[in-house]
Amino acid sequence: MRFVATLTFPTPSVRLTRGTSSSVVALVSGGPDSAALVHQLLADGRRVVPIYLRGGLTWESAELVWLRRWLRA
């Protein structure tokens, strides 16, 4: 499978290469950039497997609240 996603700022946009699979893994946080990335991948017909890395940071619990909220939406 060949997949490249590039997320640009301040206006999120995603560029994808064509691959042989419709499934992708996305490294996500609870922020709007992750929401935009997952939204665009889903709109492009991809099956998204979100991955969140815990690092023991102070704001992690708040980030997880927002991440779970928008993943359910």
C-alpha atoms as a PDB file:
ATOM      1  CA  MET A   1       0.000   0.000   0.000  1.00  0.00           C
ATOM      2  CA  ARG A   2       1.311   3.441  -0.886  1.00  0.00           C
ATOM      3  CA  PHE A   3      -0.127   6.345   1.047  1.00  0.00           C
ATOM      4  CA  VAL A   4       1.074   9.876   1.698  1.00  0.00           C
ATOM      5  CA  ALA A   5      -0.924  12.506   3.571  1.00  0.00           C
ATOM      6  CA  THR A   6       0.261  16.083   3.852  1.00  0.00           C
ATOM      7  CA  LEU A   7      -1.587  18.396   6.213  1.00  0.00           C
ATOM      8  CA  THR A   8      -1.044  22.111   5.622  1.00  0.00           C
ATOM      9  CA  PHE A   9      -1.676  25.062   7.922  1.00  0.00           C
ATOM     10  CA  PRO A  10      -3.396  27.420   8.679  1.00  0.00           C
ATOM     11  CA  THR A  11      -6.113  26.090   6.367  1.00  0.00           C
ATOM     12  CA  PRO A  12      -6.126  22.288   6.576  1.00  0.00           C
ATOM     13  CA  SER A  13      -5.958  20.434   3.309  1.00  0.00           C
ATOM     14  CA  VAL A  14      -4.915  16.894   2.558  1.00  0.00           C
ATOM     15  CA  ARG A  15      -3.104  15.504  -0.439  1.00  0.00           C
ATOM     16  CA  LEU A  16      -3.298  11.749  -0.912  1.00  0.00           C
ATOM     17  CA  THR A  17      -1.565   9.449  -3.322  1.00  0.00           C
ATOM     18  CA  ARG A  18      -3.532   6.550  -4.783  1.00  0.00           C
ATOM     19  CA  GLY A  19      -2.977   3.216  -3.081  1.00  0.00           C
ATOM     20  CA  THR A  20      -4.153  -0.341  -3.337  1.00  0.00           C
ATOM     21  CA  SER A  21      -6.031  -0.220  -0.016  1.00  0.00           C
ATOM     22  CA  SER A  22      -8.796   2.022   1.221  1.00  0.00           C
ATOM     23  CA  SER A  23      -7.626   1.738   4.861  1.00  0.00           C
ATOM     24  CA  VAL A  24      -5.247   4.231   6.423  1.00  0.00           C
ATOM     25  CA  VAL A  25      -3.806   4.905   9.860  1.00  0.00           C
ATOM     26  CA  ALA A  26      -3.951   8.501  11.109  1.00  0.00           C
ATOM     27  CA  LEU A  27      -1.967   9.819  14.070  1.00  0.00           C
ATOM     28  CA  VAL A  28      -4.505  12.022  15.855  1.00  0.00           C
ATOM     29  CA  SER A  29      -4.907  14.379  18.781  1.00  0.00           C
ATOM     30  CA  GLY A  30      -8.004  16.155  20.020  1.00  0.00           C
ATOM     31  CA  GLY A  31      -7.324  19.219  17.899  1.00  0.00           C
ATOM     32  CA  PRO A  32      -8.981  20.655  14.796  1.00  0.00           C
ATOM     33  CA  ASP A  33      -6.117  19.591  12.525  1.00  0.00           C
ATOM     34  CA  SER A  34      -6.739  15.932  13.370  1.00  0.00           C
ATOM     35  CA  ALA A  35     -10.473  16.382  12.904  1.00  0.00           C
ATOM     36  CA  ALA A  36      -9.875  17.946   9.481  1.00  0.00           C
ATOM     37  CA  LEU A  37      -7.510  15.145   8.462  1.00  0.00           C
ATOM     38  CA  VAL A  38      -9.903  12.358   9.492  1.00  0.00           C
ATOM     39  CA  HIS A  39     -12.850  14.166   7.882  1.00  0.00           C
ATOM     40  CA  GLN A  40     -11.001  14.523   4.568  1.00  0.00           C
ATOM     41  CA  LEU A  41      -9.858  10.897   4.586  1.00  0.00           C
ATOM     42  CA  LEU A  42     -13.419   9.711   5.228  1.00  0.00           C
ATOM     43  CA  ALA A  43     -14.742  12.040   2.506  1.00  0.00           C
ATOM     44  CA  ASP A  44     -12.222  10.452   0.117  1.00  0.00           C
ATOM     45  CA  GLY A  45     -13.718   7.040   0.874  1.00  0.00           C
ATOM     46  CA  ARG A  46     -10.959   5.809   3.155  1.00  0.00           C
ATOM     47  CA  ARG A  47     -11.425   3.613   6.234  1.00  0.00           C
ATOM     48  CA  VAL A  48      -9.549   5.457   8.978  1.00  0.00           C
ATOM     49  CA  VAL A  49      -7.847   3.791  11.932  1.00  0.00           C
ATOM     50  CA  PRO A  50      -7.064   6.618  14.392  1.00  0.00           C
ATOM     51  CA  ILE A  51      -3.966   6.245  16.571  1.00  0.00           C
ATOM     52  CA  TYR A  52      -3.417   8.359  19.698  1.00  0.00           C
ATOM     53  CA  LEU A  53      -0.055   8.276  21.490  1.00  0.00           C
ATOM     54  CA  ARG A  54      -0.081   8.891  25.225  1.00  0.00           C
ATOM     55  CA  GLY A  55       2.914  10.781  26.524  1.00  0.00           C
ATOM     56  CA  GLY A  56       1.866  11.551  30.083  1.00  0.00           C
ATOM     57  CA  LEU A  57       1.356  15.244  29.335  1.00  0.00           C
ATOM     58  CA  THR A  58      -0.772  17.480  31.567  1.00  0.00           C
ATOM     59  CA  TRP A  59      -3.381  18.267  28.898  1.00  0.00           C
ATOM     60  CA  GLU A  60      -3.808  14.660  27.742  1.00  0.00           C
ATOM     61  CA  SER A  61      -7.099  14.034  29.570  1.00  0.00           C
ATOM     62  CA  ALA A  62      -8.736  17.099  27.972  1.00  0.00           C
ATOM     63  CA  GLU A  63      -7.357  16.128  24.568  1.00  0.00           C
ATOM     64  CA  LEU A  64      -8.821  12.630  24.892  1.00  0.00           C
ATOM     65  CA  VAL A  65     -12.248  14.037  25.827  1.00  0.00           C
ATOM     66  CA  TRP A  66     -12.363  16.052  22.581  1.00  0.00           C
ATOM     67  CA  LEU A  67     -10.905  13.233  20.513  1.00  0.00           C
ATOM     68  CA  ARG A  68     -13.546  10.767  21.700  1.00  0.00           C
ATOM     69  CA  ARG A  69     -16.300  13.349  21.193  1.00  0.00           C
ATOM     70  CA  TRP A  70     -15.522  14.085  17.547  1.00  0.00           C
ATOM     71  CA  LEU A  71     -14.773  10.453  16.694  1.00  0.00           C
ATOM     72  CA  ARG A  72     -18.328   9.588  17.808  1.00  0.00           C
ATOM     73  CA  ALA A  73     -19.808  12.376  15.648  1.00  0.00           C
END
